[in-house]
Amino acid sequence: VKEAKESLKYFKPVLYGQKIKLNQEVTLRFRDAGHILGSSIIELWIKEDSKKTKLVFSGDLGRRDRPILRDPSLIDEADYLIVESTYGNKQHHPSEVDDKELIAIINTTVKRGGNVVIPSFAIERVQDIIYELNKYYTEYIKTEDQDFLSVPVYVDSPLTVSATEIFLRNPDCFDEDTLKLIKIGNNPLDFRNLKFTRTTEESKQINFSKESKVIISASGMCTAGRIKHHLKHNLWRKESSIVFVGYQANGT
């Protein structure tokens, strides 16, 4: 940890789209990857004698038309492309289909008296879920469906709570739809009945309540963290639902 903190003084923030000349032969530029807050695609222009080569590198890439963050930047050309392969050959459902499926599961589970447990990655995926639930709760206020509006949603992960606070401090990375919500006073990462829990005692209290609830917790692959505690309390309950919203590696 000491060495990690010491390394921070060597970090230098740069803007998306800003070309940086490392030396006479190498120039780079960061482009928005749209995956998580601050994620980037790196364009490298390398000059060797009279030859110029463009190399593009990216880790995880975001999906288009997802909430909060801007869409991934489009790269026009590259001589060499190095990119992640988790979803490289996958065809995703349209985003609105996934969102409607989640809401339908919540409604069905609440009506039968169960809990909805959602294992999720602490950064980006949880914030996406909060955004969609915010939108849906706002719509339900108009219909006066008090049963749905009374369902508490717990985000039970200290890391997620901290990550969400960082999101709110960086609106310059948000897309236009999210910025419009903020301008009219609608915090897209908060809504009625949303509760963030940090302490162990708060986490334990969640399952003592008999009312139906939504529990979002980490880790996303259920290998560690408080999610294991919530699974222990709900896996055996036929009225509860476990909803996986992200990639699951083999063996997890």
C-alpha atoms as a PDB file:
ATOM      1  CA  VAL A   1       0.000   0.000   0.000  1.00  0.00           C
ATOM      2  CA  LYS A   2       2.846   2.352   0.820  1.00  0.00           C
ATOM      3  CA  GLU A   3       4.407   1.813  -2.619  1.00  0.00           C
ATOM      4  CA  ALA A   4       1.040   2.292  -4.307  1.00  0.00           C
ATOM      5  CA  LYS A   5       0.526   5.625  -2.558  1.00  0.00           C
ATOM      6  CA  GLU A   6       4.077   6.666  -3.438  1.00  0.00           C
ATOM      7  CA  SER A   7       3.386   5.975  -7.126  1.00  0.00           C
ATOM      8  CA  LEU A   8       0.481   8.434  -7.201  1.00  0.00           C
ATOM      9  CA  LYS A   9       2.820  11.410  -7.491  1.00  0.00           C
ATOM     10  CA  TYR A  10       3.839  10.118 -10.929  1.00  0.00           C
ATOM     11  CA  PHE A  11       0.265  10.144 -12.243  1.00  0.00           C
ATOM     12  CA  LYS A  12      -0.728  13.000 -14.535  1.00  0.00           C
ATOM     13  CA  PRO A  13      -4.368  13.561 -15.538  1.00  0.00           C
ATOM     14  CA  VAL A  14      -5.106  14.311 -19.196  1.00  0.00           C
ATOM     15  CA  LEU A  15      -8.237  15.206 -21.121  1.00  0.00           C
ATOM     16  CA  TYR A  16     -10.010  12.966 -23.604  1.00  0.00           C
ATOM     17  CA  GLY A  17      -8.982  13.920 -27.128  1.00  0.00           C
ATOM     18  CA  GLN A  18      -5.779  15.651 -26.048  1.00  0.00           C
ATOM     19  CA  LYS A  19      -2.737  14.617 -28.093  1.00  0.00           C
ATOM     20  CA  ILE A  20       0.372  14.124 -25.968  1.00  0.00           C
ATOM     21  CA  LYS A  21       3.841  13.961 -27.436  1.00  0.00           C
ATOM     22  CA  LEU A  22       5.938  11.545 -25.368  1.00  0.00           C
ATOM     23  CA  ASN A  23       9.045  12.105 -27.475  1.00  0.00           C
ATOM     24  CA  GLN A  24       9.990  12.760 -31.091  1.00  0.00           C
ATOM     25  CA  GLU A  25       8.803   9.295 -32.147  1.00  0.00           C
ATOM     26  CA  VAL A  26       5.687   8.619 -30.060  1.00  0.00           C
ATOM     27  CA  THR A  27       2.408  10.548 -29.720  1.00  0.00           C
ATOM     28  CA  LEU A  28      -0.671   9.304 -27.852  1.00  0.00           C
ATOM     29  CA  ARG A  29      -4.288  10.271 -27.312  1.00  0.00           C
ATOM     30  CA  PHE A  30      -6.911   9.003 -24.876  1.00  0.00           C
ATOM     31  CA  ARG A  31     -10.435   8.417 -26.234  1.00  0.00           C
ATOM     32  CA  ASP A  32     -13.562   7.581 -24.265  1.00  0.00           C
ATOM     33  CA  ALA A  33     -14.069   3.802 -23.936  1.00  0.00           C
ATOM     34  CA  GLY A  34     -17.529   4.212 -22.374  1.00  0.00           C
ATOM     35  CA  HIS A  35     -16.960   1.253 -20.039  1.00  0.00           C
ATOM     36  CA  ILE A  36     -16.552   2.786 -16.590  1.00  0.00           C
ATOM     37  CA  LEU A  37     -15.898   6.305 -15.366  1.00  0.00           C
ATOM     38  CA  GLY A  38     -12.610   7.462 -16.914  1.00  0.00           C
ATOM     39  CA  SER A  39     -12.017   4.338 -19.011  1.00  0.00           C
ATOM     40  CA  SER A  40     -10.024   4.979 -22.164  1.00  0.00           C
ATOM     41  CA  ILE A  41      -9.022   3.741 -25.570  1.00  0.00           C
ATOM     42  CA  ILE A  42      -5.422   4.669 -26.328  1.00  0.00           C
ATOM     43  CA  GLU A  43      -4.288   5.731 -29.784  1.00  0.00           C
ATOM     44  CA  LEU A  44      -0.532   5.595 -30.366  1.00  0.00           C
ATOM     45  CA  TRP A  45       1.258   7.099 -33.357  1.00  0.00           C
ATOM     46  CA  ILE A  46       4.773   5.697 -33.683  1.00  0.00           C
ATOM     47  CA  LYS A  47       7.344   7.055 -36.104  1.00  0.00           C
ATOM     48  CA  GLU A  48      10.342   4.917 -37.081  1.00  0.00           C
ATOM     49  CA  ASP A  49      12.604   6.571 -39.617  1.00  0.00           C
ATOM     50  CA  SER A  50      10.221   7.414 -42.472  1.00  0.00           C
ATOM     51  CA  LYS A  51       7.561   4.873 -41.462  1.00  0.00           C
ATOM     52  CA  LYS A  52       4.486   5.853 -39.411  1.00  0.00           C
ATOM     53  CA  THR A  53       2.403   3.248 -37.573  1.00  0.00           C
ATOM     54  CA  LYS A  54      -0.838   3.686 -35.637  1.00  0.00           C
ATOM     55  CA  LEU A  55      -1.577   1.285 -32.773  1.00  0.00           C
ATOM     56  CA  VAL A  56      -4.888   1.282 -30.891  1.00  0.00           C
ATOM     57  CA  PHE A  57      -5.251  -0.408 -27.511  1.00  0.00           C
ATOM     58  CA  SER A  58      -8.302  -0.823 -25.304  1.00  0.00           C
ATOM     59  CA  GLY A  59      -9.304  -2.824 -22.288  1.00  0.00           C
ATOM     60  CA  ASP A  60     -13.037  -3.340 -21.686  1.00  0.00           C
ATOM     61  CA  LEU A  61     -15.310  -1.438 -24.058  1.00  0.00           C
ATOM     62  CA  GLY A  62     -18.678  -0.039 -23.072  1.00  0.00           C
ATOM     63  CA  ARG A  63     -21.943  -0.535 -24.932  1.00  0.00           C
ATOM     64  CA  ARG A  64     -23.703   2.162 -26.876  1.00  0.00           C
ATOM     65  CA  ASP A  65     -26.904   3.725 -25.545  1.00  0.00           C
ATOM     66  CA  ARG A  66     -26.217   2.821 -21.930  1.00  0.00           C
ATOM     67  CA  PRO A  67     -27.087   5.225 -19.106  1.00  0.00           C
ATOM     68  CA  ILE A  68     -24.856   7.790 -17.398  1.00  0.00           C
ATOM     69  CA  LEU A  69     -21.682   7.646 -19.496  1.00  0.00           C
ATOM     70  CA  ARG A  70     -21.094   8.724 -23.075  1.00  0.00           C
ATOM     71  CA  ASP A  71     -20.940   6.111 -25.833  1.00  0.00           C
ATOM     72  CA  PRO A  72     -17.507   4.713 -26.729  1.00  0.00           C
ATOM     73  CA  SER A  73     -15.546   6.898 -29.137  1.00  0.00           C
ATOM     74  CA  LEU A  74     -15.361   5.668 -32.711  1.00  0.00           C
ATOM     75  CA  ILE A  75     -11.835   5.023 -33.982  1.00  0.00           C
ATOM     76  CA  ASP A  76     -11.502   5.563 -37.722  1.00  0.00           C
ATOM     77  CA  GLU A  77      -8.411   3.499 -38.462  1.00  0.00           C
ATOM     78  CA  ALA A  78      -5.466   1.578 -37.047  1.00  0.00           C
ATOM     79  CA  ASP A  79      -2.577  -0.473 -38.343  1.00  0.00           C
ATOM     80  CA  TYR A  80      -2.745  -2.680 -35.248  1.00  0.00           C
ATOM     81  CA  LEU A  81      -5.681  -3.155 -32.888  1.00  0.00           C
ATOM     82  CA  ILE A  82      -5.341  -4.771 -29.445  1.00  0.00           C
ATOM     83  CA  VAL A  83      -8.658  -5.131 -27.647  1.00  0.00           C
ATOM     84  CA  GLU A  84     -10.359  -7.137 -24.904  1.00  0.00           C
ATOM     85  CA  SER A  85     -12.212 -10.285 -25.945  1.00  0.00           C
ATOM     86  CA  THR A  86     -14.778 -10.913 -23.185  1.00  0.00           C
ATOM     87  CA  TYR A  87     -17.607  -9.626 -25.368  1.00  0.00           C
ATOM     88  CA  GLY A  88     -15.709  -9.352 -28.650  1.00  0.00           C
ATOM     89  CA  ASN A  89     -17.828 -11.994 -30.397  1.00  0.00           C
ATOM     90  CA  LYS A  90     -21.105 -11.474 -28.523  1.00  0.00           C
ATOM     91  CA  GLN A  91     -24.355  -9.961 -29.766  1.00  0.00           C
ATOM     92  CA  HIS A  92     -26.033  -8.078 -26.923  1.00  0.00           C
ATOM     93  CA  HIS A  93     -29.741  -7.693 -26.341  1.00  0.00           C
ATOM     94  CA  PRO A  94     -30.958  -4.124 -26.794  1.00  0.00           C
ATOM     95  CA  SER A  95     -30.451  -2.283 -23.494  1.00  0.00           C
ATOM     96  CA  GLU A  96     -34.139  -1.543 -23.032  1.00  0.00           C
ATOM     97  CA  VAL A  97     -34.895  -5.290 -23.127  1.00  0.00           C
ATOM     98  CA  ASP A  98     -32.505  -5.966 -20.235  1.00  0.00           C
ATOM     99  CA  ASP A  99     -33.987  -3.103 -18.195  1.00  0.00           C
ATOM    100  CA  LYS A 100     -37.570  -4.250 -18.703  1.00  0.00           C
ATOM    101  CA  GLU A 101     -36.631  -7.811 -17.743  1.00  0.00           C
ATOM    102  CA  LEU A 102     -35.116  -6.586 -14.475  1.00  0.00           C
ATOM    103  CA  ILE A 103     -38.166  -4.505 -13.594  1.00  0.00           C
ATOM    104  CA  ALA A 104     -40.467  -7.435 -14.410  1.00  0.00           C
ATOM    105  CA  ILE A 105     -38.479  -9.733 -12.096  1.00  0.00           C
ATOM    106  CA  ILE A 106     -38.651  -7.182  -9.277  1.00  0.00           C
ATOM    107  CA  ASN A 107     -42.415  -6.787  -9.658  1.00  0.00           C
ATOM    108  CA  THR A 108     -43.041 -10.550  -9.757  1.00  0.00           C
ATOM    109  CA  THR A 109     -40.785 -11.261  -6.774  1.00  0.00           C
ATOM    110  CA  VAL A 110     -42.259  -8.515  -4.603  1.00  0.00           C
ATOM    111  CA  LYS A 111     -45.800  -9.723  -5.291  1.00  0.00           C
ATOM    112  CA  ARG A 112     -44.915 -13.199  -3.988  1.00  0.00           C
ATOM    113  CA  GLY A 113     -43.214 -11.774  -0.894  1.00  0.00           C
ATOM    114  CA  GLY A 114     -39.587 -12.445  -1.796  1.00  0.00           C
ATOM    115  CA  ASN A 115     -36.361 -10.479  -2.053  1.00  0.00           C
ATOM    116  CA  VAL A 116     -34.461  -9.653  -5.229  1.00  0.00           C
ATOM    117  CA  VAL A 117     -30.724 -10.181  -4.733  1.00  0.00           C
ATOM    118  CA  ILE A 118     -28.457  -8.696  -7.405  1.00  0.00           C
ATOM    119  CA  PRO A 119     -24.731  -9.555  -7.338  1.00  0.00           C
ATOM    120  CA  SER A 120     -23.020  -6.718  -9.150  1.00  0.00           C
ATOM    121  CA  PHE A 121     -19.652  -5.141  -9.826  1.00  0.00           C
ATOM    122  CA  ALA A 122     -19.118  -2.114  -7.600  1.00  0.00           C
ATOM    123  CA  ILE A 123     -18.134   0.283 -10.375  1.00  0.00           C
ATOM    124  CA  GLU A 124     -20.443   1.187 -13.273  1.00  0.00           C
ATOM    125  CA  ARG A 125     -22.831  -1.786 -13.199  1.00  0.00           C
ATOM    126  CA  VAL A 126     -24.373  -0.810  -9.869  1.00  0.00           C
ATOM    127  CA  GLN A 127     -24.647   2.810 -10.963  1.00  0.00           C
ATOM    128  CA  ASP A 128     -26.405   1.685 -14.164  1.00  0.00           C
ATOM    129  CA  ILE A 129     -28.944  -0.252 -12.096  1.00  0.00           C
ATOM    130  CA  ILE A 130     -29.548   2.711  -9.781  1.00  0.00           C
ATOM    131  CA  TYR A 131     -30.098   4.944 -12.809  1.00  0.00           C
ATOM    132  CA  GLU A 132     -32.695   2.605 -14.320  1.00  0.00           C
ATOM    133  CA  LEU A 133     -34.505   2.128 -11.014  1.00  0.00           C
ATOM    134  CA  ASN A 134     -34.519   5.912 -10.524  1.00  0.00           C
ATOM    135  CA  LYS A 135     -36.228   6.256 -13.906  1.00  0.00           C
ATOM    136  CA  TYR A 136     -38.755   3.556 -13.116  1.00  0.00           C
ATOM    137  CA  TYR A 137     -39.570   4.831  -9.623  1.00  0.00           C
ATOM    138  CA  THR A 138     -40.165   8.292 -11.097  1.00  0.00           C
ATOM    139  CA  GLU A 139     -42.644   6.807 -13.571  1.00  0.00           C
ATOM    140  CA  TYR A 140     -44.400   4.854 -10.807  1.00  0.00           C
ATOM    141  CA  ILE A 141     -44.903   7.984  -8.723  1.00  0.00           C
ATOM    142  CA  LYS A 142     -47.123   9.242 -11.548  1.00  0.00           C
ATOM    143  CA  THR A 143     -49.207   6.036 -11.455  1.00  0.00           C
ATOM    144  CA  GLU A 144     -49.464   6.095  -7.647  1.00  0.00           C
ATOM    145  CA  ASP A 145     -48.554   2.420  -7.358  1.00  0.00           C
ATOM    146  CA  GLN A 146     -47.825   2.522  -3.634  1.00  0.00           C
ATOM    147  CA  ASP A 147     -46.936  -1.168  -3.429  1.00  0.00           C
ATOM    148  CA  PHE A 148     -43.960  -0.723  -5.722  1.00  0.00           C
ATOM    149  CA  LEU A 149     -42.972   2.646  -4.260  1.00  0.00           C
ATOM    150  CA  SER A 150     -42.713   1.139  -0.777  1.00  0.00           C
ATOM    151  CA  VAL A 151     -40.070  -1.431  -1.794  1.00  0.00           C
ATOM    152  CA  PRO A 152     -36.666  -0.478  -0.325  1.00  0.00           C
ATOM    153  CA  VAL A 153     -33.569  -0.859  -2.477  1.00  0.00           C
ATOM    154  CA  TYR A 154     -30.337  -1.490  -0.556  1.00  0.00           C
ATOM    155  CA  VAL A 155     -26.895  -0.919  -2.028  1.00  0.00           C
ATOM    156  CA  ASP A 156     -24.785  -2.910   0.402  1.00  0.00           C
ATOM    157  CA  SER A 157     -21.124  -2.421  -0.455  1.00  0.00           C
ATOM    158  CA  PRO A 158     -18.722   0.168   1.014  1.00  0.00           C
ATOM    159  CA  LEU A 159     -16.741   0.224  -2.239  1.00  0.00           C
ATOM    160  CA  THR A 160     -19.896   0.857  -4.256  1.00  0.00           C
ATOM    161  CA  VAL A 161     -20.938   3.706  -1.963  1.00  0.00           C
ATOM    162  CA  SER A 162     -17.527   5.341  -2.415  1.00  0.00           C
ATOM    163  CA  ALA A 163     -17.581   4.739  -6.180  1.00  0.00           C
ATOM    164  CA  THR A 164     -21.025   6.329  -6.498  1.00  0.00           C
ATOM    165  CA  GLU A 165     -19.774   9.424  -4.671  1.00  0.00           C
ATOM    166  CA  ILE A 166     -16.898   9.648  -7.177  1.00  0.00           C
ATOM    167  CA  PHE A 167     -19.385   9.411 -10.060  1.00  0.00           C
ATOM    168  CA  LEU A 168     -21.323  12.374  -8.691  1.00  0.00           C
ATOM    169  CA  ARG A 169     -18.124  14.428  -8.485  1.00  0.00           C
ATOM    170  CA  ASN A 170     -17.365  13.898 -12.189  1.00  0.00           C
ATOM    171  CA  PRO A 171     -20.392  14.991 -14.239  1.00  0.00           C
ATOM    172  CA  ASP A 172     -18.051  16.008 -17.080  1.00  0.00           C
ATOM    173  CA  CYS A 173     -18.001  12.296 -18.030  1.00  0.00           C
ATOM    174  CA  PHE A 174     -21.814  11.999 -18.189  1.00  0.00           C
ATOM    175  CA  ASP A 175     -23.894  11.772 -21.345  1.00  0.00           C
ATOM    176  CA  GLU A 176     -26.441  14.412 -22.362  1.00  0.00           C
ATOM    177  CA  ASP A 177     -29.468  12.582 -20.934  1.00  0.00           C
ATOM    178  CA  THR A 178     -27.887  12.333 -17.491  1.00  0.00           C
ATOM    179  CA  LEU A 179     -26.822  15.983 -17.522  1.00  0.00           C
ATOM    180  CA  LYS A 180     -30.387  17.019 -18.396  1.00  0.00           C
ATOM    181  CA  LEU A 181     -31.692  15.143 -15.351  1.00  0.00           C
ATOM    182  CA  ILE A 182     -29.176  16.877 -13.104  1.00  0.00           C
ATOM    183  CA  LYS A 183     -30.136  20.303 -14.489  1.00  0.00           C
ATOM    184  CA  ILE A 184     -33.798  19.794 -13.526  1.00  0.00           C
ATOM    185  CA  GLY A 185     -32.827  18.660 -10.023  1.00  0.00           C
ATOM    186  CA  ASN A 186     -33.234  14.910 -10.492  1.00  0.00           C
ATOM    187  CA  ASN A 187     -30.165  13.151  -9.109  1.00  0.00           C
ATOM    188  CA  PRO A 188     -29.928  10.081 -11.394  1.00  0.00           C
ATOM    189  CA  LEU A 189     -28.049   8.127  -8.722  1.00  0.00           C
ATOM    190  CA  ASP A 190     -30.616   8.572  -5.981  1.00  0.00           C
ATOM    191  CA  PHE A 191     -34.344   8.049  -5.565  1.00  0.00           C
ATOM    192  CA  ARG A 192     -37.034   7.392  -3.022  1.00  0.00           C
ATOM    193  CA  ASN A 193     -36.330   4.308  -0.870  1.00  0.00           C
ATOM    194  CA  LEU A 194     -32.715   3.920  -2.032  1.00  0.00           C
ATOM    195  CA  LYS A 195     -30.502   3.149   0.957  1.00  0.00           C
ATOM    196  CA  PHE A 196     -26.703   2.923   0.982  1.00  0.00           C
ATOM    197  CA  THR A 197     -25.116   0.823   3.739  1.00  0.00           C
ATOM    198  CA  ARG A 198     -21.485   0.970   4.813  1.00  0.00           C
ATOM    199  CA  THR A 199     -21.138  -0.754   8.170  1.00  0.00           C
ATOM    200  CA  THR A 200     -21.259  -4.477   8.897  1.00  0.00           C
ATOM    201  CA  GLU A 201     -24.087  -3.955  11.362  1.00  0.00           C
ATOM    202  CA  GLU A 202     -26.195  -2.128   8.759  1.00  0.00           C
ATOM    203  CA  SER A 203     -25.576  -4.992   6.338  1.00  0.00           C
ATOM    204  CA  LYS A 204     -26.739  -7.613   8.833  1.00  0.00           C
ATOM    205  CA  GLN A 205     -29.926  -5.693   9.596  1.00  0.00           C
ATOM    206  CA  ILE A 206     -31.071  -5.901   5.974  1.00  0.00           C
ATOM    207  CA  ASN A 207     -32.040  -9.571   6.201  1.00  0.00           C
ATOM    208  CA  PHE A 208     -33.723  -9.202   9.594  1.00  0.00           C
ATOM    209  CA  SER A 209     -36.547  -7.266   7.958  1.00  0.00           C
ATOM    210  CA  LYS A 210     -39.431  -9.398   6.663  1.00  0.00           C
ATOM    211  CA  GLU A 211     -40.560  -6.888   4.025  1.00  0.00           C
ATOM    212  CA  SER A 212     -39.705  -7.522   0.384  1.00  0.00           C
ATOM    213  CA  LYS A 213     -36.647  -5.639  -0.800  1.00  0.00           C
ATOM    214  CA  VAL A 214     -34.040  -5.324  -3.516  1.00  0.00           C
ATOM    215  CA  ILE A 215     -30.456  -5.997  -2.394  1.00  0.00           C
ATOM    216  CA  ILE A 216     -27.564  -4.964  -4.646  1.00  0.00           C
ATOM    217  CA  SER A 217     -24.174  -6.091  -3.387  1.00  0.00           C
ATOM    218  CA  ALA A 218     -20.657  -7.088  -4.419  1.00  0.00           C
ATOM    219  CA  SER A 219     -18.791  -9.001  -5.572  1.00  0.00           C
ATOM    220  CA  GLY A 220     -20.369  -9.430  -8.979  1.00  0.00           C
ATOM    221  CA  MET A 221     -19.189 -13.039  -9.359  1.00  0.00           C
ATOM    222  CA  CYS A 222     -20.160 -13.975  -5.777  1.00  0.00           C
ATOM    223  CA  THR A 223     -16.625 -15.060  -4.877  1.00  0.00           C
ATOM    224  CA  ALA A 224     -16.212 -12.599  -1.999  1.00  0.00           C
ATOM    225  CA  GLY A 225     -17.858  -9.713  -0.219  1.00  0.00           C
ATOM    226  CA  ARG A 226     -21.219  -9.202   1.432  1.00  0.00           C
ATOM    227  CA  ILE A 227     -23.136 -10.800  -1.428  1.00  0.00           C
ATOM    228  CA  LYS A 228     -22.279 -14.228   0.006  1.00  0.00           C
ATOM    229  CA  HIS A 229     -24.098 -13.286   3.211  1.00  0.00           C
ATOM    230  CA  HIS A 230     -27.210 -12.229   1.272  1.00  0.00           C
ATOM    231  CA  LEU A 231     -27.163 -15.382  -0.849  1.00  0.00           C
ATOM    232  CA  LYS A 232     -27.058 -17.488   2.307  1.00  0.00           C
ATOM    233  CA  HIS A 233     -30.245 -15.817   3.497  1.00  0.00           C
ATOM    234  CA  ASN A 234     -32.124 -15.985   0.190  1.00  0.00           C
ATOM    235  CA  LEU A 235     -31.000 -18.896  -1.998  1.00  0.00           C
ATOM    236  CA  TRP A 236     -33.200 -21.343  -0.101  1.00  0.00           C
ATOM    237  CA  ARG A 237     -36.297 -19.111  -0.344  1.00  0.00           C
ATOM    238  CA  LYS A 238     -38.391 -20.120  -3.360  1.00  0.00           C
ATOM    239  CA  GLU A 239     -40.132 -16.736  -3.321  1.00  0.00           C
ATOM    240  CA  SER A 240     -36.838 -14.829  -3.745  1.00  0.00           C
ATOM    241  CA  SER A 241     -34.954 -14.164  -6.986  1.00  0.00           C
ATOM    242  CA  ILE A 242     -31.221 -13.976  -7.699  1.00  0.00           C
ATOM    243  CA  VAL A 243     -30.479 -11.801 -10.740  1.00  0.00           C
ATOM    244  CA  PHE A 244     -27.092 -11.878 -12.464  1.00  0.00           C
ATOM    245  CA  VAL A 245     -26.463  -8.668 -14.386  1.00  0.00           C
ATOM    246  CA  GLY A 246     -22.834  -9.094 -15.462  1.00  0.00           C
ATOM    247  CA  TYR A 247     -20.233 -11.444 -16.828  1.00  0.00           C
ATOM    248  CA  GLN A 248     -19.555 -14.636 -14.840  1.00  0.00           C
ATOM    249  CA  ALA A 249     -16.201 -16.366 -15.290  1.00  0.00           C
ATOM    250  CA  ASN A 250     -16.008 -20.160 -15.324  1.00  0.00           C
ATOM    251  CA  GLY A 251     -15.737 -21.571 -11.819  1.00  0.00           C
ATOM    252  CA  THR A 252     -17.292 -18.597 -10.039  1.00  0.00           C
END
